[in-house]
Amino acid sequence: RVHLVRFPAGGYKDKLETVTREMMTDYHSRRYTPGRTSYVIVGDADPDSVLEMVRSRTADWPRGCMENPVIPMEPPCPFRRKSVFAFPHPLAYCSASWLTPDASHADLPALNVFSDILGNSNSSRLYEELVTKQKLALDVLFHTTAIRSAGLSGFIATAEPAKLSRVSDGIFRILGKLTEEGPTEQEMARTLAQQTADQKYIICNADEG
């Protein structure tokens, strides 16, 4: 209710239509400055030469504003908030989310593992139970997202309208069981293998790029 993530990332059409070139150049001149710029140097480079090159190319840049805008922290939510929307579509959707630690928190890796085991693939608990075995949901995904000032975890599921309430109940039941009992050794091994493969894929693509 107070954090900036309550706004859509793309902004609002009526607000965007009021943006002028002067507003954009003013923001750029204040925020895109040497002190806020990062450089990635790849290859057989001499650090002293690179530093001198960067200094010479940015010497005439104005220093600008180094202060970050103050982002209000979202207070804990002591009760469940629910919204229902009706629209013409043959399928029904349900989703829920809740606050979790930000990107700098030590618990974030554990949350990512929790998400993988719960619902990030066809072999996850939610998918196997609700889609493959019980055939209640058509699709289900669990996610964890974290930025500098907030984190969010939750799920989204698709089902036939008549089955939606059972899908939602099933998700919270499976979520509660994993929270209470923890993951199995097989789930941990599978998640470790998947995350290792993902990191190697990222590194390989970076090398090729």
C-alpha atoms as a PDB file:
ATOM      1  CA  ARG A   1       0.000   0.000   0.000  1.00  0.00           C
ATOM      2  CA  VAL A   2       2.976   2.376   0.306  1.00  0.00           C
ATOM      3  CA  HIS A   3       5.855   0.734  -1.615  1.00  0.00           C
ATOM      4  CA  LEU A   4       6.452   1.803  -5.213  1.00  0.00           C
ATOM      5  CA  VAL A   5       5.959  -1.751  -6.517  1.00  0.00           C
ATOM      6  CA  ARG A   6       2.215  -1.094  -6.272  1.00  0.00           C
ATOM      7  CA  PHE A   7       2.557   0.900  -9.509  1.00  0.00           C
ATOM      8  CA  PRO A   8       2.834  -0.866 -12.903  1.00  0.00           C
ATOM      9  CA  ALA A   9       6.406  -0.902 -14.192  1.00  0.00           C
ATOM     10  CA  GLY A  10       5.345   0.559 -17.532  1.00  0.00           C
ATOM     11  CA  GLY A  11       3.662   3.537 -15.897  1.00  0.00           C
ATOM     12  CA  TYR A  12       0.304   5.074 -16.669  1.00  0.00           C
ATOM     13  CA  LYS A  13      -0.686   6.292 -20.126  1.00  0.00           C
ATOM     14  CA  ASP A  14      -2.019   9.665 -18.959  1.00  0.00           C
ATOM     15  CA  LYS A  15       1.198  10.321 -16.995  1.00  0.00           C
ATOM     16  CA  LEU A  16       3.493   9.264 -19.833  1.00  0.00           C
ATOM     17  CA  GLU A  17       1.725  11.614 -22.221  1.00  0.00           C
ATOM     18  CA  THR A  18       2.763  14.570 -20.052  1.00  0.00           C
ATOM     19  CA  VAL A  19       6.492  13.756 -20.167  1.00  0.00           C
ATOM     20  CA  THR A  20       8.502  16.297 -22.143  1.00  0.00           C
ATOM     21  CA  ARG A  21      11.982  16.172 -23.629  1.00  0.00           C
ATOM     22  CA  GLU A  22      13.112  18.729 -21.032  1.00  0.00           C
ATOM     23  CA  MET A  23      11.951  16.465 -18.196  1.00  0.00           C
ATOM     24  CA  MET A  24      13.888  13.522 -19.648  1.00  0.00           C
ATOM     25  CA  THR A  25      17.096  15.449 -20.258  1.00  0.00           C
ATOM     26  CA  ASP A  26      16.914  16.966 -16.770  1.00  0.00           C
ATOM     27  CA  TYR A  27      16.611  13.512 -15.200  1.00  0.00           C
ATOM     28  CA  HIS A  28      19.432  12.170 -17.361  1.00  0.00           C
ATOM     29  CA  SER A  29      21.766  15.033 -16.439  1.00  0.00           C
ATOM     30  CA  ARG A  30      21.124  14.542 -12.722  1.00  0.00           C
ATOM     31  CA  ARG A  31      21.295  10.764 -12.530  1.00  0.00           C
ATOM     32  CA  TYR A  32      23.531   9.522 -15.388  1.00  0.00           C
ATOM     33  CA  THR A  33      26.830  10.818 -14.014  1.00  0.00           C
ATOM     34  CA  PRO A  34      30.369   9.406 -13.550  1.00  0.00           C
ATOM     35  CA  GLY A  35      29.734   8.451  -9.928  1.00  0.00           C
ATOM     36  CA  ARG A  36      26.703   6.376 -10.945  1.00  0.00           C
ATOM     37  CA  THR A  37      28.274   4.660 -13.959  1.00  0.00           C
ATOM     38  CA  SER A  38      29.750   1.158 -14.111  1.00  0.00           C
ATOM     39  CA  TYR A  39      32.192  -0.167 -16.675  1.00  0.00           C
ATOM     40  CA  VAL A  40      32.863  -3.790 -17.568  1.00  0.00           C
ATOM     41  CA  ILE A  41      36.290  -4.320 -19.109  1.00  0.00           C
ATOM     42  CA  VAL A  42      36.918  -7.684 -20.782  1.00  0.00           C
ATOM     43  CA  GLY A  43      40.123  -9.060 -22.217  1.00  0.00           C
ATOM     44  CA  ASP A  44      43.853  -8.480 -21.890  1.00  0.00           C
ATOM     45  CA  ALA A  45      43.611  -4.922 -20.533  1.00  0.00           C
ATOM     46  CA  ASP A  46      45.999  -2.917 -18.395  1.00  0.00           C
ATOM     47  CA  PRO A  47      44.065  -1.608 -15.345  1.00  0.00           C
ATOM     48  CA  ASP A  48      46.021   1.653 -15.153  1.00  0.00           C
ATOM     49  CA  SER A  49      45.460   2.399 -18.839  1.00  0.00           C
ATOM     50  CA  VAL A  50      41.758   1.606 -18.587  1.00  0.00           C
ATOM     51  CA  LEU A  51      41.343   3.820 -15.527  1.00  0.00           C
ATOM     52  CA  GLU A  52      43.113   6.688 -17.273  1.00  0.00           C
ATOM     53  CA  MET A  53      40.929   6.268 -20.363  1.00  0.00           C
ATOM     54  CA  VAL A  54      37.734   6.338 -18.289  1.00  0.00           C
ATOM     55  CA  ARG A  55      38.906   9.399 -16.365  1.00  0.00           C
ATOM     56  CA  SER A  56      39.768  11.300 -19.533  1.00  0.00           C
ATOM     57  CA  ARG A  57      36.455  10.497 -21.204  1.00  0.00           C
ATOM     58  CA  THR A  58      34.356  11.496 -18.188  1.00  0.00           C
ATOM     59  CA  ALA A  59      36.389  14.471 -16.974  1.00  0.00           C
ATOM     60  CA  ASP A  60      33.905  17.025 -18.287  1.00  0.00           C
ATOM     61  CA  TRP A  61      30.811  15.232 -16.988  1.00  0.00           C
ATOM     62  CA  PRO A  62      28.909  17.191 -14.319  1.00  0.00           C
ATOM     63  CA  ARG A  63      28.820  15.376 -10.993  1.00  0.00           C
ATOM     64  CA  GLY A  64      25.039  15.470 -10.646  1.00  0.00           C
ATOM     65  CA  CYS A  65      22.990  14.001  -7.806  1.00  0.00           C
ATOM     66  CA  MET A  66      24.317  10.991  -5.904  1.00  0.00           C
ATOM     67  CA  GLU A  67      21.413  10.679  -3.488  1.00  0.00           C
ATOM     68  CA  ASN A  68      18.984   7.826  -4.058  1.00  0.00           C
ATOM     69  CA  PRO A  69      15.269   8.555  -3.787  1.00  0.00           C
ATOM     70  CA  VAL A  70      13.719   7.456  -0.514  1.00  0.00           C
ATOM     71  CA  ILE A  71      11.573   4.364  -1.049  1.00  0.00           C
ATOM     72  CA  PRO A  72       9.031   3.784   1.720  1.00  0.00           C
ATOM     73  CA  MET A  73       9.067   0.314   3.252  1.00  0.00           C
ATOM     74  CA  GLU A  74       5.867  -1.702   3.045  1.00  0.00           C
ATOM     75  CA  PRO A  75       4.490  -2.403   6.531  1.00  0.00           C
ATOM     76  CA  PRO A  76       3.518  -5.978   7.501  1.00  0.00           C
ATOM     77  CA  CYS A  77       0.040  -6.984   6.371  1.00  0.00           C
ATOM     78  CA  PRO A  78      -1.903  -8.297   9.411  1.00  0.00           C
ATOM     79  CA  PHE A  79      -4.827  -9.592   7.369  1.00  0.00           C
ATOM     80  CA  ARG A  80      -5.597 -11.176   4.014  1.00  0.00           C
ATOM     81  CA  ARG A  81      -6.684  -8.876   1.214  1.00  0.00           C
ATOM     82  CA  LYS A  82      -8.657 -10.381  -1.642  1.00  0.00           C
ATOM     83  CA  SER A  83      -9.930  -9.116  -4.977  1.00  0.00           C
ATOM     84  CA  VAL A  84     -12.210 -10.909  -7.430  1.00  0.00           C
ATOM     85  CA  PHE A  85     -12.504  -9.909 -11.082  1.00  0.00           C
ATOM     86  CA  ALA A  86     -15.025 -11.278 -13.582  1.00  0.00           C
ATOM     87  CA  PHE A  87     -14.232 -11.249 -17.299  1.00  0.00           C
ATOM     88  CA  PRO A  88     -15.349 -13.248 -20.361  1.00  0.00           C
ATOM     89  CA  HIS A  89     -12.930 -16.160 -20.581  1.00  0.00           C
ATOM     90  CA  PRO A  90     -13.382 -19.940 -20.500  1.00  0.00           C
ATOM     91  CA  LEU A  91     -10.659 -20.365 -17.863  1.00  0.00           C
ATOM     92  CA  ALA A  92     -10.202 -19.044 -14.342  1.00  0.00           C
ATOM     93  CA  TYR A  93      -7.051 -17.737 -12.693  1.00  0.00           C
ATOM     94  CA  CYS A  94      -6.038 -17.421  -9.070  1.00  0.00           C
ATOM     95  CA  SER A  95      -2.931 -15.912  -7.565  1.00  0.00           C
ATOM     96  CA  ALA A  96      -1.642 -14.907  -4.164  1.00  0.00           C
ATOM     97  CA  SER A  97       1.529 -13.182  -3.005  1.00  0.00           C
ATOM     98  CA  TRP A  98       3.140 -11.982   0.197  1.00  0.00           C
ATOM     99  CA  LEU A  99       6.130  -9.938   1.315  1.00  0.00           C
ATOM    100  CA  THR A 100       9.489 -11.702   1.584  1.00  0.00           C
ATOM    101  CA  PRO A 101      13.061 -10.413   2.233  1.00  0.00           C
ATOM    102  CA  ASP A 102      14.774  -8.035  -0.186  1.00  0.00           C
ATOM    103  CA  ALA A 103      17.653  -8.868  -2.542  1.00  0.00           C
ATOM    104  CA  SER A 104      20.364  -8.301   0.080  1.00  0.00           C
ATOM    105  CA  HIS A 105      18.866 -10.622   2.708  1.00  0.00           C
ATOM    106  CA  ALA A 106      20.749 -13.777   3.687  1.00  0.00           C
ATOM    107  CA  ASP A 107      17.566 -15.875   3.391  1.00  0.00           C
ATOM    108  CA  LEU A 108      17.051 -15.143  -0.313  1.00  0.00           C
ATOM    109  CA  PRO A 109      18.960 -18.233  -1.578  1.00  0.00           C
ATOM    110  CA  ALA A 110      16.801 -20.433   0.644  1.00  0.00           C
ATOM    111  CA  LEU A 111      13.673 -18.746  -0.712  1.00  0.00           C
ATOM    112  CA  ASN A 112      14.816 -19.435  -4.270  1.00  0.00           C
ATOM    113  CA  VAL A 113      15.326 -23.114  -3.432  1.00  0.00           C
ATOM    114  CA  PHE A 114      11.898 -23.170  -1.774  1.00  0.00           C
ATOM    115  CA  SER A 115      10.361 -21.704  -4.947  1.00  0.00           C
ATOM    116  CA  ASP A 116      12.094 -24.219  -7.204  1.00  0.00           C
ATOM    117  CA  ILE A 117      10.892 -27.168  -5.170  1.00  0.00           C
ATOM    118  CA  LEU A 118       7.376 -25.822  -4.822  1.00  0.00           C
ATOM    119  CA  GLY A 119       6.523 -24.742  -8.322  1.00  0.00           C
ATOM    120  CA  ASN A 120       9.150 -23.730 -10.873  1.00  0.00           C
ATOM    121  CA  SER A 121       9.053 -26.771 -13.167  1.00  0.00           C
ATOM    122  CA  ASN A 122       6.943 -29.729 -14.265  1.00  0.00           C
ATOM    123  CA  SER A 123       8.650 -31.848 -11.584  1.00  0.00           C
ATOM    124  CA  SER A 124       7.811 -29.420  -8.761  1.00  0.00           C
ATOM    125  CA  ARG A 125       5.383 -30.308  -5.982  1.00  0.00           C
ATOM    126  CA  LEU A 126       2.556 -28.075  -7.120  1.00  0.00           C
ATOM    127  CA  TYR A 127       2.703 -29.142 -10.754  1.00  0.00           C
ATOM    128  CA  GLU A 128       3.047 -32.860 -10.046  1.00  0.00           C
ATOM    129  CA  GLU A 129       0.208 -32.907  -7.521  1.00  0.00           C
ATOM    130  CA  LEU A 130      -2.332 -30.505  -9.012  1.00  0.00           C
ATOM    131  CA  VAL A 131      -1.657 -30.807 -12.743  1.00  0.00           C
ATOM    132  CA  THR A 132      -0.201 -34.284 -13.325  1.00  0.00           C
ATOM    133  CA  LYS A 133      -1.837 -36.396 -10.598  1.00  0.00           C
ATOM    134  CA  GLN A 134      -5.148 -34.776  -9.659  1.00  0.00           C
ATOM    135  CA  LYS A 135      -5.669 -32.952 -12.984  1.00  0.00           C
ATOM    136  CA  LEU A 136      -7.229 -30.006 -11.185  1.00  0.00           C
ATOM    137  CA  ALA A 137      -5.067 -27.205 -12.584  1.00  0.00           C
ATOM    138  CA  LEU A 138      -4.017 -26.629 -16.152  1.00  0.00           C
ATOM    139  CA  ASP A 139      -0.892 -24.807 -15.039  1.00  0.00           C
ATOM    140  CA  VAL A 140       0.620 -23.574 -11.776  1.00  0.00           C
ATOM    141  CA  LEU A 141       3.747 -21.580 -11.024  1.00  0.00           C
ATOM    142  CA  PHE A 142       5.396 -20.423  -7.802  1.00  0.00           C
ATOM    143  CA  HIS A 143       7.738 -17.439  -7.906  1.00  0.00           C
ATOM    144  CA  THR A 144      10.102 -15.423  -5.738  1.00  0.00           C
ATOM    145  CA  THR A 145      11.223 -11.958  -6.793  1.00  0.00           C
ATOM    146  CA  ALA A 146      13.516  -9.610  -4.885  1.00  0.00           C
ATOM    147  CA  ILE A 147      14.741  -6.079  -5.466  1.00  0.00           C
ATOM    148  CA  ARG A 148      16.849  -3.724  -3.342  1.00  0.00           C
ATOM    149  CA  SER A 149      14.016  -2.656  -1.066  1.00  0.00           C
ATOM    150  CA  ALA A 150      11.434  -5.467  -1.114  1.00  0.00           C
ATOM    151  CA  GLY A 151      10.736  -9.075  -1.968  1.00  0.00           C
ATOM    152  CA  LEU A 152       7.660 -10.927  -3.125  1.00  0.00           C
ATOM    153  CA  SER A 153       6.746 -14.612  -3.239  1.00  0.00           C
ATOM    154  CA  GLY A 154       3.551 -16.183  -4.461  1.00  0.00           C
ATOM    155  CA  PHE A 155       1.788 -18.359  -7.003  1.00  0.00           C
ATOM    156  CA  ILE A 156      -0.443 -18.153 -10.061  1.00  0.00           C
ATOM    157  CA  ALA A 157      -2.622 -20.989 -11.310  1.00  0.00           C
ATOM    158  CA  THR A 158      -4.958 -21.624 -14.243  1.00  0.00           C
ATOM    159  CA  ALA A 159      -7.922 -23.990 -14.054  1.00  0.00           C
ATOM    160  CA  GLU A 160     -11.464 -24.621 -15.179  1.00  0.00           C
ATOM    161  CA  PRO A 161     -13.780 -22.323 -13.160  1.00  0.00           C
ATOM    162  CA  ALA A 162     -15.477 -25.191 -11.318  1.00  0.00           C
ATOM    163  CA  LYS A 163     -12.113 -26.496 -10.071  1.00  0.00           C
ATOM    164  CA  LEU A 164     -10.539 -23.208  -9.041  1.00  0.00           C
ATOM    165  CA  SER A 165     -11.409 -23.324  -5.324  1.00  0.00           C
ATOM    166  CA  ARG A 166      -9.948 -26.841  -5.014  1.00  0.00           C
ATOM    167  CA  VAL A 167      -6.798 -25.682  -6.794  1.00  0.00           C
ATOM    168  CA  SER A 168      -6.375 -22.762  -4.385  1.00  0.00           C
ATOM    169  CA  ASP A 169      -6.976 -24.962  -1.332  1.00  0.00           C
ATOM    170  CA  GLY A 170      -4.534 -27.536  -2.679  1.00  0.00           C
ATOM    171  CA  ILE A 171      -1.802 -24.962  -3.219  1.00  0.00           C
ATOM    172  CA  PHE A 172      -1.994 -23.716   0.373  1.00  0.00           C
ATOM    173  CA  ARG A 173      -2.075 -27.305   1.657  1.00  0.00           C
ATOM    174  CA  ILE A 174       1.085 -28.230  -0.279  1.00  0.00           C
ATOM    175  CA  LEU A 175       2.721 -24.963   0.745  1.00  0.00           C
ATOM    176  CA  GLY A 176       1.982 -25.682   4.404  1.00  0.00           C
ATOM    177  CA  LYS A 177       3.348 -29.224   4.182  1.00  0.00           C
ATOM    178  CA  LEU A 178       6.639 -28.095   2.664  1.00  0.00           C
ATOM    179  CA  THR A 179       6.926 -25.340   5.276  1.00  0.00           C
ATOM    180  CA  GLU A 180       6.399 -27.787   8.140  1.00  0.00           C
ATOM    181  CA  GLU A 181       8.316 -30.832   6.894  1.00  0.00           C
ATOM    182  CA  GLY A 182      10.969 -29.293   4.644  1.00  0.00           C
ATOM    183  CA  PRO A 183      12.236 -30.698   1.331  1.00  0.00           C
ATOM    184  CA  THR A 184      13.342 -34.264   0.661  1.00  0.00           C
ATOM    185  CA  GLU A 185      16.939 -35.162  -0.181  1.00  0.00           C
ATOM    186  CA  GLN A 186      15.849 -35.972  -3.738  1.00  0.00           C
ATOM    187  CA  GLU A 187      14.271 -32.525  -4.147  1.00  0.00           C
ATOM    188  CA  MET A 188      17.386 -30.801  -2.824  1.00  0.00           C
ATOM    189  CA  ALA A 189      19.622 -32.778  -5.177  1.00  0.00           C
ATOM    190  CA  ARG A 190      17.392 -31.987  -8.165  1.00  0.00           C
ATOM    191  CA  THR A 191      17.300 -28.287  -7.294  1.00  0.00           C
ATOM    192  CA  LEU A 192      21.083 -28.163  -6.837  1.00  0.00           C
ATOM    193  CA  ALA A 193      21.590 -29.790 -10.236  1.00  0.00           C
ATOM    194  CA  GLN A 194      19.140 -27.404 -11.905  1.00  0.00           C
ATOM    195  CA  GLN A 195      20.619 -24.261 -10.369  1.00  0.00           C
ATOM    196  CA  THR A 196      24.145 -25.421 -11.232  1.00  0.00           C
ATOM    197  CA  ALA A 197      23.064 -25.981 -14.840  1.00  0.00           C
ATOM    198  CA  ASP A 198      21.391 -22.566 -14.962  1.00  0.00           C
ATOM    199  CA  GLN A 199      24.539 -20.814 -13.699  1.00  0.00           C
ATOM    200  CA  LYS A 200      26.750 -22.657 -16.193  1.00  0.00           C
ATOM    201  CA  TYR A 201      24.346 -21.667 -18.982  1.00  0.00           C
ATOM    202  CA  ILE A 202      24.560 -18.014 -17.938  1.00  0.00           C
ATOM    203  CA  ILE A 203      28.375 -18.133 -17.787  1.00  0.00           C
ATOM    204  CA  CYS A 204      28.642 -19.872 -21.167  1.00  0.00           C
ATOM    205  CA  ASN A 205      26.387 -17.286 -22.812  1.00  0.00           C
ATOM    206  CA  ALA A 206      28.362 -14.465 -21.231  1.00  0.00           C
ATOM    207  CA  ASP A 207      31.602 -15.941 -22.576  1.00  0.00           C
ATOM    208  CA  GLU A 208      30.122 -16.337 -26.064  1.00  0.00           C
ATOM    209  CA  GLY A 209      28.698 -12.810 -25.949  1.00  0.00           C
END
